[in-house]
N, C-alpha and C. Protein backbone atom coordinates (compact mmCIF):
# COMPACT_ATOMS: atom_id res chain seq x y z
N UNK A 1 86.49 123.20 93.31
CA UNK A 1 85.08 123.04 93.44
C UNK A 1 84.64 121.36 93.46
N UNK A 2 85.37 120.75 92.55
CA UNK A 2 85.02 119.35 92.56
C UNK A 2 85.41 118.56 93.72
N UNK A 3 86.66 119.01 94.28
CA UNK A 3 87.10 118.29 95.37
C UNK A 3 86.04 118.39 96.65
N UNK A 4 85.26 119.42 96.74
CA UNK A 4 84.40 119.72 97.81
C UNK A 4 83.24 118.53 97.66
N UNK A 5 83.08 117.93 96.56
CA UNK A 5 82.01 116.97 96.29
C UNK A 5 82.51 115.48 96.45
N UNK A 6 83.77 115.34 96.83
CA UNK A 6 84.39 113.95 96.98
C UNK A 6 83.46 113.12 97.87
N UNK A 7 83.39 111.89 97.54
CA UNK A 7 82.56 110.92 98.19
C UNK A 7 81.13 110.82 97.77
N UNK A 8 80.61 111.82 96.99
CA UNK A 8 79.26 111.84 96.54
C UNK A 8 79.32 110.89 95.28
N UNK A 9 78.27 110.19 95.16
CA UNK A 9 78.16 109.18 94.10
C UNK A 9 77.20 109.76 93.02
N UNK A 10 77.54 109.48 91.68
CA UNK A 10 76.67 109.83 90.65
C UNK A 10 75.89 108.57 90.31
N UNK A 11 74.59 108.68 90.64
CA UNK A 11 73.72 107.43 90.31
C UNK A 11 73.38 107.20 88.88
N UNK A 12 73.04 105.98 88.62
CA UNK A 12 72.51 105.62 87.27
C UNK A 12 71.03 106.01 87.18
N UNK A 13 70.72 107.08 86.70
CA UNK A 13 69.28 107.33 86.58
C UNK A 13 68.48 106.46 85.66
N UNK A 14 67.21 106.39 85.88
CA UNK A 14 66.40 105.49 84.99
C UNK A 14 66.37 105.93 83.51
N UNK A 15 66.49 107.20 83.33
CA UNK A 15 66.61 107.63 81.87
C UNK A 15 67.84 107.04 81.19
N UNK A 16 68.91 107.12 81.92
CA UNK A 16 70.20 106.28 81.43
C UNK A 16 69.95 104.92 81.24
N UNK A 17 69.52 104.22 82.22
CA UNK A 17 69.26 102.77 82.17
C UNK A 17 68.28 102.45 81.00
N UNK A 18 67.29 103.22 80.73
CA UNK A 18 66.23 102.88 79.72
C UNK A 18 66.93 103.02 78.36
N UNK A 19 68.04 103.87 78.33
CA UNK A 19 68.75 103.97 76.94
C UNK A 19 69.58 102.74 76.53
N UNK A 20 69.97 102.03 77.55
CA UNK A 20 71.00 100.87 77.22
C UNK A 20 70.38 99.67 76.73
N UNK A 21 71.05 99.06 75.80
CA UNK A 21 70.57 97.86 75.17
C UNK A 21 71.75 96.89 74.98
N UNK A 22 71.60 95.62 75.09
CA UNK A 22 72.72 94.70 74.92
C UNK A 22 73.39 94.97 73.57
N UNK A 23 74.81 94.90 73.62
CA UNK A 23 75.57 95.11 72.47
C UNK A 23 76.08 96.60 72.13
N UNK A 24 75.39 97.58 72.88
CA UNK A 24 75.91 98.89 72.76
C UNK A 24 77.31 99.02 73.34
N UNK A 25 77.98 100.01 72.85
CA UNK A 25 79.25 100.39 73.45
C UNK A 25 79.14 101.69 74.28
N UNK A 26 79.57 101.72 75.46
CA UNK A 26 79.52 103.01 76.30
C UNK A 26 80.96 103.33 76.66
N UNK A 27 81.39 104.50 76.15
CA UNK A 27 82.69 104.96 76.49
C UNK A 27 82.56 105.68 77.77
N UNK A 28 83.24 105.21 78.70
CA UNK A 28 83.31 105.91 80.06
C UNK A 28 84.68 106.51 80.30
N UNK A 29 85.07 106.53 81.55
CA UNK A 29 86.48 107.02 81.87
C UNK A 29 86.83 106.69 83.26
N UNK A 30 88.04 106.75 83.62
CA UNK A 30 88.57 106.38 84.84
C UNK A 30 88.85 107.88 85.50
N UNK A 31 88.11 108.17 86.59
CA UNK A 31 88.27 109.51 87.11
C UNK A 31 89.64 109.85 87.67
N UNK A 32 90.10 111.05 87.41
CA UNK A 32 91.34 111.54 87.94
C UNK A 32 90.98 112.85 88.75
N UNK A 33 91.76 113.02 89.75
CA UNK A 33 91.63 114.34 90.54
C UNK A 33 90.23 114.38 91.17
N UNK A 34 89.47 115.44 91.04
CA UNK A 34 88.25 115.51 91.58
C UNK A 34 87.10 115.21 90.68
N UNK A 35 87.27 114.51 89.51
CA UNK A 35 86.26 114.18 88.60
C UNK A 35 85.21 113.24 89.19
N UNK A 36 83.94 113.45 88.73
CA UNK A 36 82.83 112.63 89.29
C UNK A 36 83.04 111.23 88.75
N UNK A 37 82.86 110.29 89.67
CA UNK A 37 83.13 108.93 89.36
C UNK A 37 81.93 108.31 88.79
N UNK A 38 82.10 107.75 87.51
CA UNK A 38 80.93 106.97 86.80
C UNK A 38 80.77 105.58 87.13
N UNK A 39 81.20 104.99 88.33
CA UNK A 39 81.23 103.72 88.57
C UNK A 39 79.76 103.19 88.57
N UNK A 40 78.74 103.82 89.07
CA UNK A 40 77.38 103.23 88.98
C UNK A 40 76.82 103.31 87.57
N UNK A 41 77.19 104.18 86.80
CA UNK A 41 76.82 104.22 85.38
C UNK A 41 77.53 103.03 84.65
N UNK A 42 78.77 102.74 85.02
CA UNK A 42 79.42 101.65 84.47
C UNK A 42 78.78 100.42 84.78
N UNK A 43 78.39 100.17 86.02
CA UNK A 43 77.71 98.99 86.51
C UNK A 43 76.42 98.77 85.88
N UNK A 44 75.67 99.92 85.62
CA UNK A 44 74.44 99.71 84.91
C UNK A 44 74.60 99.28 83.48
N UNK A 45 75.77 99.92 82.86
CA UNK A 45 76.24 99.56 81.55
C UNK A 45 76.37 98.05 81.28
N UNK A 46 77.23 97.51 82.23
CA UNK A 46 77.48 96.14 82.11
C UNK A 46 76.36 95.23 82.53
N UNK A 47 75.46 95.64 83.51
CA UNK A 47 74.31 94.86 83.80
C UNK A 47 73.22 94.75 82.48
N UNK A 48 73.32 95.81 81.75
CA UNK A 48 72.56 95.72 80.57
C UNK A 48 73.07 95.08 79.33
N UNK A 49 74.21 94.54 79.55
CA UNK A 49 74.81 93.69 78.51
C UNK A 49 75.65 94.52 77.42
N UNK A 50 75.95 95.73 77.79
CA UNK A 50 76.65 96.68 76.95
C UNK A 50 78.19 96.51 77.24
N UNK A 51 78.95 96.94 76.19
CA UNK A 51 80.36 96.80 76.37
C UNK A 51 80.93 98.15 76.83
N UNK A 52 81.84 98.19 77.76
CA UNK A 52 82.53 99.43 78.26
C UNK A 52 83.77 99.59 77.49
N UNK A 53 84.04 100.96 77.26
CA UNK A 53 85.30 101.38 76.58
C UNK A 53 85.99 102.48 77.46
N UNK A 54 87.20 102.75 77.26
CA UNK A 54 87.76 103.86 77.89
C UNK A 54 88.63 104.71 76.88
N UNK A 55 88.71 105.97 77.10
CA UNK A 55 89.57 106.76 76.15
C UNK A 55 91.02 106.35 76.27
N UNK A 56 91.71 106.54 75.16
CA UNK A 56 93.10 106.32 75.14
C UNK A 56 93.70 107.73 74.46
N UNK A 57 94.64 108.27 75.20
CA UNK A 57 95.15 109.59 74.96
C UNK A 57 96.70 109.47 74.90
N UNK A 58 97.08 110.04 73.74
CA UNK A 58 98.50 110.13 73.47
C UNK A 58 99.14 111.44 73.97
N UNK A 59 98.58 112.43 73.53
CA UNK A 59 99.19 113.89 73.86
C UNK A 59 97.98 114.80 73.72
N UNK A 60 98.17 116.09 73.90
CA UNK A 60 97.18 117.19 73.76
C UNK A 60 96.70 117.30 72.22
N UNK A 61 97.58 117.01 71.38
CA UNK A 61 97.34 117.40 69.91
C UNK A 61 96.60 116.14 69.16
N UNK A 62 96.86 115.02 69.64
CA UNK A 62 96.35 113.81 68.96
C UNK A 62 95.02 113.52 69.41
N UNK A 63 94.05 113.23 68.47
CA UNK A 63 92.70 112.86 68.98
C UNK A 63 92.62 111.69 69.78
N UNK A 64 91.89 111.64 70.82
CA UNK A 64 91.78 110.33 71.60
C UNK A 64 90.91 109.27 70.88
N UNK A 65 91.19 108.01 71.29
CA UNK A 65 90.34 106.91 70.73
C UNK A 65 89.76 106.22 71.87
N UNK A 66 88.84 105.34 71.59
CA UNK A 66 88.33 104.56 72.63
C UNK A 66 88.62 103.19 72.34
N UNK A 67 89.01 102.48 73.61
CA UNK A 67 89.48 101.04 73.45
C UNK A 67 88.55 100.27 74.27
N UNK A 68 88.17 99.00 73.97
CA UNK A 68 87.33 98.13 74.71
C UNK A 68 87.98 97.91 76.06
N UNK A 69 87.18 97.89 77.12
CA UNK A 69 87.65 97.59 78.50
C UNK A 69 86.87 96.47 79.14
N UNK A 70 87.56 95.48 79.57
CA UNK A 70 86.95 94.31 80.29
C UNK A 70 87.11 94.41 81.75
N UNK A 71 87.48 95.57 82.24
CA UNK A 71 87.73 95.66 83.77
C UNK A 71 89.06 95.47 84.17
N UNK A 72 89.96 95.09 83.21
CA UNK A 72 91.31 94.75 83.50
C UNK A 72 92.18 95.87 83.94
N UNK A 73 93.56 95.56 83.91
CA UNK A 73 94.65 96.43 84.31
C UNK A 73 94.61 97.79 83.45
N UNK A 74 94.86 98.89 84.25
CA UNK A 74 95.02 100.17 83.58
C UNK A 74 96.50 100.65 83.96
N UNK A 75 97.07 101.40 82.93
CA UNK A 75 98.49 101.75 83.02
C UNK A 75 98.48 103.21 83.00
N UNK A 76 99.56 103.85 83.61
CA UNK A 76 99.74 105.22 83.72
C UNK A 76 99.88 105.76 82.36
N UNK A 77 99.07 106.86 82.21
CA UNK A 77 99.13 107.67 80.87
C UNK A 77 99.37 109.09 81.04
N UNK A 78 99.34 109.81 79.97
CA UNK A 78 99.63 111.35 80.12
C UNK A 78 98.61 112.01 81.01
N UNK A 79 98.98 113.09 81.50
CA UNK A 79 98.00 114.05 82.31
C UNK A 79 97.51 113.33 83.58
N UNK A 80 98.15 112.28 84.09
CA UNK A 80 97.78 111.55 85.28
C UNK A 80 96.61 110.52 85.00
N UNK A 81 96.32 110.25 83.72
CA UNK A 81 95.32 109.32 83.38
C UNK A 81 95.71 107.95 83.69
N UNK A 82 94.72 107.08 83.89
CA UNK A 82 94.96 105.73 83.97
C UNK A 82 94.33 105.11 82.79
N UNK A 83 94.92 104.43 81.80
CA UNK A 83 94.21 103.99 80.66
C UNK A 83 94.75 102.57 80.20
N UNK A 84 94.24 102.09 79.36
CA UNK A 84 94.49 100.72 78.76
C UNK A 84 95.78 100.69 77.89
N UNK A 85 96.23 99.50 77.62
CA UNK A 85 97.31 99.34 76.81
C UNK A 85 96.98 99.59 75.46
N UNK A 86 97.70 100.19 74.49
CA UNK A 86 97.22 100.56 73.18
C UNK A 86 97.00 99.22 72.28
N UNK A 87 97.34 98.08 72.91
CA UNK A 87 96.92 96.82 72.23
C UNK A 87 95.43 96.54 72.21
N UNK A 88 94.73 97.03 73.23
CA UNK A 88 93.33 96.82 73.27
C UNK A 88 92.55 97.25 72.02
N UNK A 89 91.51 96.37 71.76
CA UNK A 89 90.73 96.75 70.35
C UNK A 89 90.09 98.02 70.40
N UNK A 90 90.27 98.81 69.41
CA UNK A 90 89.41 100.03 69.25
C UNK A 90 87.98 99.81 69.02
N UNK A 91 87.15 100.80 69.41
CA UNK A 91 85.73 100.52 69.39
C UNK A 91 85.08 102.00 68.98
N UNK A 92 83.85 101.86 68.38
CA UNK A 92 83.08 103.00 68.11
C UNK A 92 82.04 103.19 69.24
N UNK A 93 81.96 104.22 69.94
CA UNK A 93 80.90 104.34 71.09
C UNK A 93 79.58 104.70 70.50
N UNK A 94 78.56 104.19 71.23
CA UNK A 94 77.29 104.59 71.02
C UNK A 94 76.74 105.60 71.97
N UNK A 95 77.48 105.62 73.16
CA UNK A 95 77.11 106.55 74.27
C UNK A 95 78.60 107.03 74.68
N UNK A 96 78.82 108.27 74.99
CA UNK A 96 80.08 108.78 75.48
C UNK A 96 79.75 109.46 76.81
N UNK A 97 80.30 108.91 77.93
CA UNK A 97 80.31 109.55 79.31
C UNK A 97 81.47 110.58 79.30
N UNK A 98 81.19 111.82 79.70
CA UNK A 98 82.18 112.81 79.57
C UNK A 98 82.41 113.44 80.97
N UNK A 99 83.58 113.55 81.47
CA UNK A 99 83.84 114.19 82.80
C UNK A 99 83.74 115.72 82.48
N UNK A 100 83.17 116.41 83.50
CA UNK A 100 82.95 117.87 83.21
C UNK A 100 83.75 118.64 84.32
N UNK A 101 84.16 119.78 84.02
CA UNK A 101 84.67 120.87 84.92
C UNK A 101 83.44 121.82 85.27
N UNK A 102 82.59 121.99 84.28
CA UNK A 102 81.31 122.84 84.58
C UNK A 102 80.37 122.55 83.38
N UNK A 103 79.03 122.89 83.74
CA UNK A 103 78.02 122.68 82.72
C UNK A 103 76.93 123.74 83.05
N UNK A 104 76.00 123.93 82.10
CA UNK A 104 74.75 124.65 82.21
C UNK A 104 73.65 123.71 81.78
N UNK A 105 72.43 124.30 82.05
CA UNK A 105 71.25 123.37 81.77
C UNK A 105 70.82 123.34 80.29
N UNK A 106 71.59 124.17 79.47
CA UNK A 106 71.43 124.10 77.89
C UNK A 106 72.26 123.01 77.42
N UNK A 107 73.09 122.29 78.22
CA UNK A 107 73.90 121.21 77.74
C UNK A 107 75.29 121.62 77.31
N UNK A 108 75.53 122.96 77.57
CA UNK A 108 77.04 123.52 77.29
C UNK A 108 77.81 122.88 78.30
N UNK A 109 79.21 122.71 78.07
CA UNK A 109 80.03 122.06 78.99
C UNK A 109 81.46 122.78 78.95
N UNK A 110 82.08 122.66 80.02
CA UNK A 110 83.55 123.09 80.25
C UNK A 110 84.25 121.85 80.53
N UNK A 111 85.37 121.59 79.73
CA UNK A 111 86.09 120.40 79.90
C UNK A 111 87.57 120.90 80.32
N UNK A 112 88.41 120.01 80.34
CA UNK A 112 89.81 120.34 80.85
C UNK A 112 90.55 121.25 79.88
N UNK A 113 90.12 121.45 78.56
CA UNK A 113 90.74 122.48 77.79
C UNK A 113 91.62 121.83 76.65
N UNK A 114 91.80 120.67 76.56
CA UNK A 114 92.65 120.01 75.47
C UNK A 114 91.80 119.75 74.15
N UNK A 115 90.49 119.76 74.29
CA UNK A 115 89.58 119.57 73.12
C UNK A 115 89.45 118.08 72.80
N UNK A 116 89.88 117.21 73.72
CA UNK A 116 89.72 115.71 73.29
C UNK A 116 88.31 115.23 73.06
N UNK A 117 87.42 115.75 73.91
CA UNK A 117 86.01 115.40 73.80
C UNK A 117 85.28 116.17 72.69
N UNK A 118 85.71 117.37 72.37
CA UNK A 118 85.29 118.09 71.24
C UNK A 118 85.51 117.31 70.01
N UNK A 119 86.82 116.91 69.76
CA UNK A 119 87.07 116.07 68.64
C UNK A 119 86.40 114.75 68.71
N UNK A 120 86.31 114.04 69.76
CA UNK A 120 85.47 112.84 69.79
C UNK A 120 84.10 113.10 69.43
N UNK A 121 83.38 114.17 69.81
CA UNK A 121 82.02 114.38 69.48
C UNK A 121 81.93 114.58 68.02
N UNK A 122 82.86 115.26 67.42
CA UNK A 122 82.90 115.46 65.89
C UNK A 122 83.07 114.21 65.12
N UNK A 123 84.07 113.30 65.76
CA UNK A 123 84.31 111.93 65.10
C UNK A 123 83.09 111.04 65.18
N UNK A 124 82.39 111.08 66.28
CA UNK A 124 81.28 110.17 66.52
C UNK A 124 80.01 110.92 66.73
N UNK A 125 79.49 111.56 65.69
CA UNK A 125 78.28 112.48 65.91
C UNK A 125 77.05 111.84 66.25
N UNK A 126 76.93 110.42 65.99
CA UNK A 126 75.79 109.69 66.41
C UNK A 126 75.82 109.23 67.79
N UNK A 127 76.86 109.43 68.49
CA UNK A 127 76.92 108.96 69.90
C UNK A 127 76.08 109.84 70.81
N UNK A 128 75.41 109.28 71.70
CA UNK A 128 74.52 109.99 72.69
C UNK A 128 75.67 110.52 73.83
N UNK A 129 75.66 111.92 74.05
CA UNK A 129 76.67 112.48 74.75
C UNK A 129 76.01 112.81 76.25
N UNK A 130 76.74 112.23 77.29
CA UNK A 130 76.33 112.43 78.49
C UNK A 130 77.42 112.93 79.54
N UNK A 131 77.28 114.17 80.01
CA UNK A 131 78.15 114.83 80.94
C UNK A 131 78.07 114.23 82.25
N UNK A 132 79.05 113.86 83.01
CA UNK A 132 79.08 113.38 84.39
C UNK A 132 79.67 114.44 85.30
N UNK A 133 78.97 114.91 86.22
CA UNK A 133 79.44 115.93 87.14
C UNK A 133 78.76 115.92 88.50
N UNK A 134 79.29 116.71 89.23
CA UNK A 134 78.60 117.08 90.62
C UNK A 134 77.68 118.29 90.49
N UNK A 135 76.63 118.30 91.19
CA UNK A 135 75.59 119.39 90.97
C UNK A 135 76.27 120.74 91.37
N UNK A 136 77.28 120.82 92.14
CA UNK A 136 78.01 122.09 92.50
C UNK A 136 78.73 122.66 91.22
N UNK A 137 78.91 121.80 90.25
CA UNK A 137 79.53 122.30 88.97
C UNK A 137 78.74 123.03 88.01
N UNK A 138 77.48 123.10 88.40
CA UNK A 138 76.45 123.79 87.45
C UNK A 138 76.72 125.31 87.61
N UNK A 139 76.74 125.91 86.45
CA UNK A 139 76.69 127.41 86.34
C UNK A 139 75.46 127.95 85.61
N UNK A 140 75.02 129.14 85.74
CA UNK A 140 73.90 129.59 85.03
C UNK A 140 73.93 129.47 83.51
N UNK A 141 75.10 129.99 83.04
CA UNK A 141 75.25 129.96 81.57
C UNK A 141 76.72 129.87 81.20
N UNK A 142 77.06 129.00 80.18
CA UNK A 142 78.41 128.93 79.74
C UNK A 142 78.49 129.45 78.30
N UNK A 143 79.39 130.24 77.93
CA UNK A 143 79.64 130.73 76.56
C UNK A 143 79.87 129.54 75.76
N UNK A 144 79.47 129.57 74.46
CA UNK A 144 79.80 128.50 73.53
C UNK A 144 80.10 128.90 72.20
N UNK A 145 80.92 128.26 71.56
CA UNK A 145 81.44 128.68 70.22
C UNK A 145 80.64 127.84 69.26
N UNK A 146 80.57 128.26 67.99
CA UNK A 146 79.80 127.61 66.82
C UNK A 146 80.23 126.08 66.70
N UNK A 147 81.33 125.70 67.01
CA UNK A 147 81.78 124.36 66.88
C UNK A 147 81.39 123.43 68.13
N UNK A 148 81.05 124.11 69.21
CA UNK A 148 80.70 123.30 70.47
C UNK A 148 79.47 122.51 70.21
N UNK A 149 79.60 121.13 70.54
CA UNK A 149 78.52 120.15 70.49
C UNK A 149 77.92 120.13 71.86
N UNK A 150 76.61 120.40 71.98
CA UNK A 150 76.09 120.28 73.36
C UNK A 150 75.90 118.84 73.79
N UNK A 151 75.64 118.69 75.04
CA UNK A 151 75.38 117.37 75.70
C UNK A 151 73.98 116.97 75.50
N UNK A 152 73.65 115.69 75.31
CA UNK A 152 72.38 115.22 75.33
C UNK A 152 71.67 115.17 76.69
N UNK A 153 72.53 114.95 77.66
CA UNK A 153 72.04 114.78 78.99
C UNK A 153 73.17 115.00 80.02
N UNK A 154 72.92 115.18 81.26
CA UNK A 154 73.90 115.39 82.34
C UNK A 154 73.51 114.61 83.53
N UNK A 155 74.45 113.82 83.98
CA UNK A 155 74.22 112.97 85.18
C UNK A 155 74.91 113.59 86.35
N UNK A 156 74.23 113.99 87.36
CA UNK A 156 74.91 114.51 88.55
C UNK A 156 74.59 113.65 89.76
N UNK A 157 75.19 114.02 90.86
CA UNK A 157 74.99 113.26 92.11
C UNK A 157 73.63 113.63 92.66
N UNK A 158 72.85 114.61 92.17
CA UNK A 158 71.59 114.90 92.73
C UNK A 158 70.31 114.67 91.73
N UNK A 159 70.70 114.84 90.32
CA UNK A 159 69.59 114.71 89.31
C UNK A 159 70.07 114.34 88.05
N UNK A 160 69.21 114.02 87.18
CA UNK A 160 69.44 113.79 85.68
C UNK A 160 68.99 114.91 85.11
N UNK A 161 69.68 115.55 84.12
CA UNK A 161 69.23 116.81 83.50
C UNK A 161 69.16 116.47 81.86
N UNK A 162 68.02 116.81 81.35
CA UNK A 162 67.91 116.75 79.85
C UNK A 162 67.74 118.11 79.33
N UNK A 163 68.76 118.72 78.57
CA UNK A 163 68.57 120.04 78.09
C UNK A 163 67.50 120.12 77.22
N UNK A 164 66.93 121.33 77.26
CA UNK A 164 65.77 121.54 76.38
C UNK A 164 66.14 121.71 74.99
């Protein structure tokens, strides 16, 4: 489904830009496969004077961490990821941009299934959680478990969604 949206860009909505402040840390990601590309969200982050970070993943079981990213070189990581050297400084995100497989308007999300973002949301409960997806990834309703943490917002190629 995501591959059918290739070439569409996810814009930085005004609601996202209004949330940015100099000094905030925004955890983004480098897209793999058919994931929506957050490049315009990243550009808005940098223009606002925020620091960008990327996830660092070791394996399925180990919680991911976020490392400061200055736009430099990325290295091959597990699961086809491109990530930073583990020597990059660790950071605490204020905003977490999350790639999605699917989502609904209640802020429920479907990820890749390893639970990395579930654990990150639990580790950083104060972070503003923004899903990044293509509009064709929306479904009417996703089932959710008691431990699922909903998204605060969803950025798609066609709209900005704020769950009720």
